[in-house]
């Protein structure tokens, strides 16, 4: 009987699955791809923010650029910088297996949705004729829906996964 009791104690001490495998592989790939895309986006800021480029390529008049497009671009730059910082922190915490990592990933998921919604609204409110509208609100809407679906999949994963609970304990 004591033997059976000590076996159950041993079973309770087993950590179960842990490590950076399983769905965390997808998380790692996503973080590295996000890092590269954000760096690429931010490396093009000077080109994207140039009002002459918008006027030359798209025929957008300077007033429309100043009132509608420039605030949208600044929002994009600021949100990209914030996302880049969150992604870098998440990568460090992921590989150090830090306890705040799952919570910070949830914040990243929610931030992506909120940024998508604001971007969609900012693009949709710019009053440019359809022929001139180089900023398509449909793509921003689709990106927001993808971010929302990502939240629906990964937030419950970070909250319920045994692997996540066993991996991020430091």
N, C-alpha and C. Protein backbone atom coordinates (compact mmCIF):
# COMPACT_ATOMS: atom_id res chain seq x y z
N UNK A 1 0.82 -1.19 0.00
CA UNK A 1 0.00 0.00 0.00
C UNK A 1 0.87 1.26 0.00
N UNK A 2 1.93 1.29 0.80
CA UNK A 2 2.84 2.43 0.80
C UNK A 2 3.48 2.61 -0.57
N UNK A 3 3.73 1.48 -1.22
CA UNK A 3 4.32 1.50 -2.53
C UNK A 3 3.42 2.25 -3.53
N UNK A 4 2.13 1.97 -3.46
CA UNK A 4 1.17 2.62 -4.34
C UNK A 4 1.13 4.13 -4.05
N UNK A 5 1.19 4.49 -2.76
CA UNK A 5 1.16 5.89 -2.36
C UNK A 5 2.38 6.64 -2.90
N UNK A 6 3.55 6.04 -2.81
CA UNK A 6 4.75 6.71 -3.30
C UNK A 6 4.74 6.82 -4.82
N UNK A 7 4.10 5.87 -5.51
CA UNK A 7 3.98 5.98 -6.96
C UNK A 7 3.12 7.17 -7.35
N UNK A 8 2.02 7.38 -6.61
CA UNK A 8 1.17 8.52 -6.94
C UNK A 8 1.89 9.84 -6.65
N UNK A 9 2.72 9.87 -5.59
CA UNK A 9 3.52 11.07 -5.33
C UNK A 9 4.49 11.32 -6.48
N UNK A 10 5.08 10.27 -6.99
CA UNK A 10 6.02 10.41 -8.10
C UNK A 10 5.29 10.93 -9.34
N UNK A 11 4.05 10.46 -9.56
CA UNK A 11 3.29 10.92 -10.71
C UNK A 11 2.96 12.40 -10.59
N UNK A 12 2.68 12.86 -9.36
CA UNK A 12 2.37 14.27 -9.16
C UNK A 12 3.58 15.16 -9.42
N UNK A 13 4.76 14.65 -9.23
CA UNK A 13 5.98 15.44 -9.41
C UNK A 13 6.41 15.51 -10.87
N UNK A 14 5.87 14.65 -11.73
CA UNK A 14 6.24 14.69 -13.13
C UNK A 14 5.76 16.00 -13.75
N UNK A 15 6.63 16.68 -14.48
CA UNK A 15 6.25 17.98 -15.01
C UNK A 15 5.28 17.91 -16.19
N UNK A 16 5.14 16.77 -16.82
CA UNK A 16 4.31 16.70 -18.02
C UNK A 16 5.06 17.28 -19.20
N UNK A 17 4.34 17.62 -20.24
CA UNK A 17 5.03 18.15 -21.41
C UNK A 17 5.49 19.57 -21.15
N UNK A 18 6.66 19.86 -21.64
CA UNK A 18 7.20 21.21 -21.53
C UNK A 18 8.18 21.40 -22.67
N UNK A 19 8.74 22.57 -22.74
CA UNK A 19 9.70 22.86 -23.79
C UNK A 19 9.07 23.68 -24.90
N UNK A 20 9.88 24.01 -25.87
CA UNK A 20 9.47 24.92 -26.93
C UNK A 20 8.96 24.19 -28.17
N UNK A 21 8.43 22.99 -27.98
CA UNK A 21 7.86 22.22 -29.08
C UNK A 21 6.38 22.49 -29.24
N UNK A 22 5.70 21.59 -29.93
CA UNK A 22 4.26 21.71 -30.14
C UNK A 22 3.89 23.00 -30.85
N UNK A 23 2.80 23.59 -30.41
CA UNK A 23 2.32 24.83 -31.02
C UNK A 23 3.28 25.99 -30.80
N UNK A 24 4.16 25.86 -29.81
CA UNK A 24 5.14 26.94 -29.59
C UNK A 24 6.11 27.08 -30.75
N UNK A 25 6.22 26.06 -31.58
CA UNK A 25 7.03 26.18 -32.80
C UNK A 25 6.40 27.22 -33.73
N UNK A 26 5.07 27.16 -33.86
CA UNK A 26 4.38 28.16 -34.69
C UNK A 26 4.55 29.57 -34.12
N UNK A 27 4.52 29.66 -32.80
CA UNK A 27 4.71 30.96 -32.14
C UNK A 27 6.10 31.50 -32.45
N UNK A 28 7.11 30.64 -32.37
CA UNK A 28 8.48 31.07 -32.66
C UNK A 28 8.61 31.54 -34.10
N UNK A 29 8.06 30.78 -35.03
CA UNK A 29 8.11 31.18 -36.44
C UNK A 29 7.41 32.52 -36.63
N UNK A 30 6.24 32.66 -36.03
CA UNK A 30 5.49 33.91 -36.15
C UNK A 30 6.24 35.10 -35.59
N UNK A 31 6.90 34.91 -34.45
CA UNK A 31 7.66 36.02 -33.86
C UNK A 31 8.84 36.42 -34.74
N UNK A 32 9.57 35.43 -35.27
CA UNK A 32 10.72 35.74 -36.13
C UNK A 32 10.27 36.41 -37.43
N UNK A 33 9.19 35.92 -38.02
CA UNK A 33 8.67 36.55 -39.25
C UNK A 33 8.20 37.97 -38.94
N UNK A 34 7.49 38.16 -37.82
CA UNK A 34 7.05 39.50 -37.42
C UNK A 34 8.24 40.43 -37.25
N UNK A 35 9.30 39.94 -36.61
CA UNK A 35 10.49 40.75 -36.40
C UNK A 35 11.06 41.22 -37.75
N UNK A 36 11.20 40.29 -38.68
CA UNK A 36 11.75 40.65 -40.00
C UNK A 36 10.84 41.62 -40.75
N UNK A 37 9.53 41.38 -40.73
CA UNK A 37 8.60 42.27 -41.43
C UNK A 37 8.57 43.67 -40.82
N UNK A 38 8.60 43.74 -39.49
CA UNK A 38 8.60 45.04 -38.83
C UNK A 38 9.88 45.82 -39.13
N UNK A 39 11.01 45.14 -39.12
CA UNK A 39 12.28 45.80 -39.46
C UNK A 39 12.23 46.29 -40.91
N UNK A 40 11.73 45.46 -41.82
CA UNK A 40 11.62 45.86 -43.22
C UNK A 40 10.69 47.07 -43.37
N UNK A 41 9.54 47.05 -42.67
CA UNK A 41 8.62 48.19 -42.73
C UNK A 41 9.29 49.46 -42.23
N UNK A 42 9.95 49.37 -41.09
CA UNK A 42 10.56 50.56 -40.50
C UNK A 42 11.75 51.06 -41.31
N UNK A 43 12.39 50.17 -42.07
CA UNK A 43 13.52 50.62 -42.90
C UNK A 43 13.04 51.46 -44.09
N UNK A 44 11.75 51.40 -44.39
CA UNK A 44 11.18 52.14 -45.52
C UNK A 44 10.46 53.43 -45.11
N UNK A 45 10.60 53.82 -43.85
CA UNK A 45 9.85 54.97 -43.34
C UNK A 45 10.11 56.23 -44.14
N UNK A 46 11.37 56.51 -44.46
CA UNK A 46 11.68 57.74 -45.21
C UNK A 46 10.99 57.76 -46.56
N UNK A 47 10.94 56.63 -47.22
CA UNK A 47 10.30 56.55 -48.53
C UNK A 47 8.79 56.71 -48.39
N UNK A 48 8.21 56.00 -47.45
CA UNK A 48 6.76 55.99 -47.28
C UNK A 48 6.25 57.36 -46.82
N UNK A 49 7.01 58.04 -45.98
CA UNK A 49 6.56 59.32 -45.42
C UNK A 49 6.77 60.51 -46.38
N UNK A 50 7.40 60.30 -47.51
CA UNK A 50 7.70 61.38 -48.45
C UNK A 50 6.42 61.85 -49.16
N UNK A 51 5.97 63.08 -48.88
CA UNK A 51 4.72 63.56 -49.50
C UNK A 51 4.82 63.64 -51.02
N UNK A 52 6.00 63.93 -51.55
CA UNK A 52 6.17 64.03 -53.00
C UNK A 52 5.91 62.67 -53.66
N UNK A 53 6.29 61.62 -52.99
CA UNK A 53 6.05 60.27 -53.52
C UNK A 53 4.56 60.02 -53.68
N UNK A 54 3.78 60.41 -52.70
CA UNK A 54 2.33 60.20 -52.75
C UNK A 54 1.70 61.04 -53.86
N UNK A 55 2.20 62.26 -54.02
CA UNK A 55 1.66 63.14 -55.06
C UNK A 55 2.05 62.62 -56.45
N UNK A 56 3.31 62.22 -56.60
CA UNK A 56 3.83 61.76 -57.88
C UNK A 56 3.20 60.43 -58.31
N UNK A 57 3.20 59.45 -57.42
CA UNK A 57 2.74 58.11 -57.78
C UNK A 57 1.23 58.01 -57.79
N UNK A 58 0.58 58.59 -56.81
CA UNK A 58 -0.85 58.37 -56.63
C UNK A 58 -1.71 59.55 -57.04
N UNK A 59 -1.09 60.68 -57.29
CA UNK A 59 -1.87 61.87 -57.62
C UNK A 59 -2.60 62.45 -56.43
N UNK A 60 -2.13 62.16 -55.23
CA UNK A 60 -2.76 62.68 -54.01
C UNK A 60 -2.29 64.11 -53.81
N UNK A 61 -3.23 65.03 -53.64
CA UNK A 61 -2.83 66.42 -53.44
C UNK A 61 -2.25 66.62 -52.03
N UNK A 62 -1.38 67.63 -51.87
CA UNK A 62 -0.69 67.85 -50.59
C UNK A 62 -1.64 68.03 -49.41
N UNK A 63 -2.78 68.67 -49.64
CA UNK A 63 -3.73 68.87 -48.55
C UNK A 63 -4.30 67.52 -48.06
N UNK A 64 -4.64 66.65 -49.01
CA UNK A 64 -5.15 65.33 -48.64
C UNK A 64 -4.08 64.52 -47.92
N UNK A 65 -2.84 64.66 -48.37
CA UNK A 65 -1.74 63.96 -47.70
C UNK A 65 -1.64 64.44 -46.25
N UNK A 66 -1.66 65.76 -46.05
CA UNK A 66 -1.49 66.34 -44.72
C UNK A 66 -2.65 65.98 -43.79
N UNK A 67 -3.86 65.97 -44.31
CA UNK A 67 -5.03 65.75 -43.46
C UNK A 67 -5.35 64.27 -43.23
N UNK A 68 -5.12 63.44 -44.21
CA UNK A 68 -5.55 62.05 -44.09
C UNK A 68 -4.44 61.03 -44.06
N UNK A 69 -3.52 61.16 -44.99
CA UNK A 69 -2.52 60.10 -45.16
C UNK A 69 -1.39 60.22 -44.13
N UNK A 70 -0.89 61.42 -43.90
CA UNK A 70 0.21 61.58 -42.94
C UNK A 70 -0.14 61.07 -41.54
N UNK A 71 -1.32 61.40 -40.99
CA UNK A 71 -1.66 60.83 -39.67
C UNK A 71 -1.72 59.30 -39.68
N UNK A 72 -2.23 58.74 -40.76
CA UNK A 72 -2.27 57.28 -40.90
C UNK A 72 -0.86 56.70 -40.92
N UNK A 73 0.03 57.34 -41.67
CA UNK A 73 1.41 56.85 -41.75
C UNK A 73 2.12 56.96 -40.41
N UNK A 74 1.90 58.08 -39.71
CA UNK A 74 2.52 58.23 -38.39
C UNK A 74 1.99 57.18 -37.42
N UNK A 75 0.69 56.92 -37.49
CA UNK A 75 0.13 55.86 -36.65
C UNK A 75 0.80 54.52 -36.98
N UNK A 76 1.01 54.27 -38.27
CA UNK A 76 1.68 53.03 -38.69
C UNK A 76 3.10 52.93 -38.17
N UNK A 77 3.83 54.03 -38.24
CA UNK A 77 5.22 54.02 -37.76
C UNK A 77 5.26 53.80 -36.25
N UNK A 78 4.45 54.54 -35.52
CA UNK A 78 4.44 54.42 -34.05
C UNK A 78 4.00 53.03 -33.64
N UNK A 79 2.95 52.51 -34.26
CA UNK A 79 2.49 51.16 -33.89
C UNK A 79 3.53 50.11 -34.28
N UNK A 80 4.23 50.29 -35.38
CA UNK A 80 5.28 49.34 -35.77
C UNK A 80 6.43 49.34 -34.76
N UNK A 81 6.79 50.52 -34.27
CA UNK A 81 7.86 50.60 -33.25
C UNK A 81 7.42 49.89 -31.97
N UNK A 82 6.18 50.13 -31.56
CA UNK A 82 5.66 49.48 -30.35
C UNK A 82 5.62 47.97 -30.55
N UNK A 83 5.11 47.51 -31.69
CA UNK A 83 5.06 46.07 -31.96
C UNK A 83 6.45 45.46 -32.01
N UNK A 84 7.40 46.21 -32.61
CA UNK A 84 8.78 45.71 -32.67
C UNK A 84 9.35 45.51 -31.27
N UNK A 85 9.10 46.45 -30.39
CA UNK A 85 9.59 46.31 -29.01
C UNK A 85 8.94 45.11 -28.32
N UNK A 86 7.64 44.94 -28.51
CA UNK A 86 6.94 43.79 -27.90
C UNK A 86 7.47 42.48 -28.46
N UNK A 87 7.69 42.42 -29.77
CA UNK A 87 8.20 41.20 -30.39
C UNK A 87 9.59 40.86 -29.86
N UNK A 88 10.46 41.86 -29.74
CA UNK A 88 11.81 41.61 -29.22
C UNK A 88 11.75 41.12 -27.77
N UNK A 89 10.94 41.77 -26.96
CA UNK A 89 10.78 41.33 -25.56
C UNK A 89 10.24 39.90 -25.54
N UNK A 90 9.25 39.61 -26.38
CA UNK A 90 8.68 38.27 -26.42
C UNK A 90 9.71 37.23 -26.84
N UNK A 91 10.54 37.54 -27.80
CA UNK A 91 11.58 36.58 -28.22
C UNK A 91 12.56 36.30 -27.09
N UNK A 92 12.97 37.35 -26.39
CA UNK A 92 13.89 37.18 -25.26
C UNK A 92 13.23 36.34 -24.18
N UNK A 93 11.99 36.69 -23.81
CA UNK A 93 11.30 35.95 -22.75
C UNK A 93 10.97 34.52 -23.17
N UNK A 94 10.70 34.32 -24.45
CA UNK A 94 10.42 32.97 -24.95
C UNK A 94 11.62 32.06 -24.72
N UNK A 95 12.80 32.50 -25.16
CA UNK A 95 13.98 31.65 -25.06
C UNK A 95 14.57 31.58 -23.66
N UNK A 96 14.22 32.56 -22.82
CA UNK A 96 14.62 32.48 -21.41
C UNK A 96 13.55 31.78 -20.57
N UNK A 97 12.45 31.45 -21.24
CA UNK A 97 11.31 30.75 -20.61
C UNK A 97 10.78 31.51 -19.39
N UNK A 98 10.61 32.79 -19.56
CA UNK A 98 10.15 33.66 -18.47
C UNK A 98 8.63 33.57 -18.31
N UNK A 99 8.20 33.63 -17.08
CA UNK A 99 6.78 33.53 -16.74
C UNK A 99 5.89 34.57 -17.43
N UNK A 100 6.34 35.83 -17.63
CA UNK A 100 5.45 36.82 -18.26
C UNK A 100 5.22 36.59 -19.76
N UNK A 101 5.97 35.67 -20.37
CA UNK A 101 5.86 35.48 -21.83
C UNK A 101 4.43 35.22 -22.30
N UNK A 102 3.70 34.26 -21.74
CA UNK A 102 2.34 34.02 -22.25
C UNK A 102 1.44 35.26 -22.17
N UNK A 103 1.53 35.99 -21.07
CA UNK A 103 0.72 37.21 -20.91
C UNK A 103 1.13 38.25 -21.97
N UNK A 104 2.42 38.36 -22.21
CA UNK A 104 2.89 39.34 -23.20
C UNK A 104 2.48 38.92 -24.62
N UNK A 105 2.40 37.63 -24.89
CA UNK A 105 1.92 37.18 -26.20
C UNK A 105 0.45 37.51 -26.37
N UNK A 106 -0.31 37.39 -25.30
CA UNK A 106 -1.73 37.76 -25.36
C UNK A 106 -1.84 39.26 -25.64
N UNK A 107 -1.01 40.05 -25.00
CA UNK A 107 -0.99 41.50 -25.25
C UNK A 107 -0.65 41.78 -26.71
N UNK A 108 0.31 41.05 -27.26
CA UNK A 108 0.70 41.23 -28.66
C UNK A 108 -0.48 40.90 -29.59
N UNK A 109 -1.17 39.82 -29.31
CA UNK A 109 -2.34 39.44 -30.12
C UNK A 109 -3.40 40.53 -30.09
N UNK A 110 -3.72 41.01 -28.91
CA UNK A 110 -4.75 42.05 -28.76
C UNK A 110 -4.29 43.35 -29.40
N UNK A 111 -3.01 43.69 -29.24
CA UNK A 111 -2.47 44.91 -29.86
C UNK A 111 -2.61 44.86 -31.38
N UNK A 112 -2.35 43.70 -31.97
CA UNK A 112 -2.49 43.55 -33.42
C UNK A 112 -3.93 43.80 -33.87
N UNK A 113 -4.89 43.30 -33.10
CA UNK A 113 -6.30 43.53 -33.44
C UNK A 113 -6.64 45.02 -33.33
N UNK A 114 -6.24 45.63 -32.22
CA UNK A 114 -6.55 47.05 -32.01
C UNK A 114 -5.90 47.93 -33.08
N UNK A 115 -4.65 47.64 -33.40
CA UNK A 115 -3.96 48.41 -34.45
C UNK A 115 -4.66 48.22 -35.79
N UNK A 116 -5.07 46.99 -36.07
CA UNK A 116 -5.80 46.73 -37.31
C UNK A 116 -7.11 47.50 -37.39
N UNK A 117 -7.85 47.55 -36.29
CA UNK A 117 -9.12 48.28 -36.27
C UNK A 117 -8.89 49.77 -36.49
N UNK A 118 -7.92 50.34 -35.78
CA UNK A 118 -7.63 51.77 -35.93
C UNK A 118 -7.16 52.07 -37.35
N UNK A 119 -6.30 51.23 -37.89
CA UNK A 119 -5.81 51.43 -39.27
C UNK A 119 -6.98 51.39 -40.25
N UNK A 120 -7.84 50.41 -40.09
CA UNK A 120 -9.01 50.27 -40.96
C UNK A 120 -9.88 51.53 -40.90
N UNK A 121 -10.11 52.03 -39.71
CA UNK A 121 -10.93 53.24 -39.53
C UNK A 121 -10.24 54.44 -40.17
N UNK A 122 -8.93 54.58 -39.93
CA UNK A 122 -8.20 55.73 -40.50
C UNK A 122 -8.21 55.70 -42.02
N UNK A 123 -8.04 54.51 -42.60
CA UNK A 123 -8.06 54.41 -44.07
C UNK A 123 -9.47 54.70 -44.59
N UNK A 124 -10.47 54.14 -43.94
CA UNK A 124 -11.85 54.31 -44.42
C UNK A 124 -12.32 55.76 -44.35
N UNK A 125 -11.78 56.54 -43.42
CA UNK A 125 -12.24 57.92 -43.28
C UNK A 125 -11.54 58.88 -44.25
N UNK A 126 -10.49 58.43 -44.91
CA UNK A 126 -9.82 59.29 -45.90
C UNK A 126 -10.73 59.42 -47.12
N UNK A 127 -11.07 60.66 -47.45
CA UNK A 127 -12.01 60.90 -48.54
C UNK A 127 -11.26 61.15 -49.85
N UNK A 128 -11.00 60.04 -50.52
CA UNK A 128 -10.35 60.11 -51.83
C UNK A 128 -11.23 59.29 -52.77
N UNK A 129 -11.32 59.72 -54.00
CA UNK A 129 -12.13 58.97 -54.96
C UNK A 129 -11.56 57.55 -55.10
N UNK A 130 -12.42 56.62 -55.44
CA UNK A 130 -12.04 55.21 -55.57
C UNK A 130 -10.86 55.02 -56.53
N UNK A 131 -10.82 55.81 -57.59
CA UNK A 131 -9.75 55.68 -58.58
C UNK A 131 -8.39 56.05 -57.98
N UNK A 132 -8.41 57.04 -57.06
CA UNK A 132 -7.18 57.52 -56.46
C UNK A 132 -6.81 56.78 -55.18
N UNK A 133 -7.74 56.05 -54.62
CA UNK A 133 -7.55 55.47 -53.28
C UNK A 133 -6.51 54.35 -53.33
N UNK A 134 -5.28 54.71 -52.98
CA UNK A 134 -4.18 53.73 -52.98
C UNK A 134 -4.17 52.91 -51.69
N UNK A 135 -4.89 53.37 -50.70
CA UNK A 135 -4.97 52.67 -49.43
C UNK A 135 -6.31 51.96 -49.36
N UNK A 136 -6.30 50.68 -49.50
CA UNK A 136 -7.54 49.90 -49.58
C UNK A 136 -8.00 49.51 -48.18
N UNK A 137 -9.18 49.97 -47.74
CA UNK A 137 -9.66 49.59 -46.41
C UNK A 137 -9.97 48.09 -46.32
N UNK A 138 -10.22 47.45 -47.46
CA UNK A 138 -10.53 46.01 -47.44
C UNK A 138 -9.35 45.20 -46.94
N UNK A 139 -8.14 45.54 -47.37
CA UNK A 139 -6.98 44.78 -46.91
C UNK A 139 -6.74 44.99 -45.41
N UNK A 140 -6.98 46.21 -44.93
CA UNK A 140 -6.85 46.48 -43.49
C UNK A 140 -7.92 45.71 -42.72
N UNK A 141 -9.13 45.63 -43.27
CA UNK A 141 -10.20 44.86 -42.63
C UNK A 141 -9.83 43.38 -42.59
N UNK A 142 -9.34 42.85 -43.71
CA UNK A 142 -8.95 41.43 -43.75
C UNK A 142 -7.83 41.13 -42.76
N UNK A 143 -6.88 42.03 -42.63
CA UNK A 143 -5.80 41.86 -41.67
C UNK A 143 -6.34 41.85 -40.24
N UNK A 144 -7.32 42.70 -39.98
CA UNK A 144 -7.94 42.75 -38.66
C UNK A 144 -8.67 41.43 -38.37
N UNK A 145 -9.37 40.90 -39.34
CA UNK A 145 -10.07 39.63 -39.16
C UNK A 145 -9.06 38.51 -38.90
N UNK A 146 -7.96 38.48 -39.64
CA UNK A 146 -6.91 37.46 -39.40
C UNK A 146 -6.33 37.60 -38.00
N UNK A 147 -6.10 38.84 -37.56
CA UNK A 147 -5.58 39.06 -36.21
C UNK A 147 -6.58 38.59 -35.16
N UNK A 148 -7.86 38.83 -35.41
CA UNK A 148 -8.91 38.39 -34.49
C UNK A 148 -8.96 36.86 -34.42
N UNK A 149 -8.85 36.21 -35.55
CA UNK A 149 -8.83 34.74 -35.57
C UNK A 149 -7.60 34.20 -34.84
N UNK A 150 -6.47 34.87 -35.01
CA UNK A 150 -5.26 34.49 -34.29
C UNK A 150 -5.49 34.58 -32.79
N UNK A 151 -6.15 35.65 -32.36
CA UNK A 151 -6.49 35.80 -30.93
C UNK A 151 -7.37 34.65 -30.47
N UNK A 152 -8.36 34.30 -31.27
CA UNK A 152 -9.30 33.24 -30.89
C UNK A 152 -8.60 31.88 -30.75
N UNK A 153 -7.53 31.70 -31.48
CA UNK A 153 -6.79 30.43 -31.39
C UNK A 153 -5.75 30.47 -30.28
N UNK A 154 -4.93 31.52 -30.26
CA UNK A 154 -3.76 31.49 -29.38
C UNK A 154 -3.99 32.02 -27.97
N UNK A 155 -4.94 32.90 -27.75
CA UNK A 155 -5.19 33.34 -26.37
C UNK A 155 -5.66 32.16 -25.51
N UNK A 156 -6.64 31.36 -25.97
CA UNK A 156 -6.99 30.18 -25.16
C UNK A 156 -5.82 29.21 -25.00
N UNK A 157 -5.00 29.09 -26.05
CA UNK A 157 -3.83 28.21 -25.96
C UNK A 157 -2.90 28.68 -24.84
N UNK A 158 -2.60 29.98 -24.81
CA UNK A 158 -1.69 30.48 -23.77
C UNK A 158 -2.30 30.39 -22.38
N UNK A 159 -3.61 30.45 -22.29
CA UNK A 159 -4.27 30.36 -20.99
C UNK A 159 -4.44 28.93 -20.48
N UNK A 160 -4.60 27.96 -21.40
CA UNK A 160 -4.96 26.60 -20.99
C UNK A 160 -3.87 25.55 -21.20
N UNK A 161 -2.88 25.82 -22.03
CA UNK A 161 -1.90 24.81 -22.40
C UNK A 161 -1.04 24.34 -21.23
N UNK A 162 -0.97 23.03 -21.08
CA UNK A 162 -0.08 22.43 -20.06
C UNK A 162 1.37 22.72 -20.42
N UNK A 163 1.69 22.61 -21.71
CA UNK A 163 3.06 22.89 -22.15
C UNK A 163 3.47 24.31 -21.78
N UNK A 164 2.59 25.27 -22.00
CA UNK A 164 2.90 26.67 -21.69
C UNK A 164 3.09 26.83 -20.19
N UNK A 165 2.20 26.25 -19.40
CA UNK A 165 2.31 26.37 -17.94
C UNK A 165 3.59 25.73 -17.43
N UNK A 166 4.00 24.60 -18.02
CA UNK A 166 5.20 23.91 -17.56
C UNK A 166 6.48 24.54 -18.10
N UNK A 167 6.42 25.25 -19.19
CA UNK A 167 7.62 25.80 -19.82
C UNK A 167 8.00 27.16 -19.24
N UNK A 168 7.02 28.00 -19.00
CA UNK A 168 7.30 29.38 -18.59
C UNK A 168 7.05 29.53 -17.09
N UNK A 169 8.04 29.09 -16.32
CA UNK A 169 7.89 29.05 -14.87
C UNK A 169 8.88 29.93 -14.13
N UNK A 170 9.90 30.44 -14.82
CA UNK A 170 10.95 31.23 -14.14
C UNK A 170 10.47 32.62 -13.82
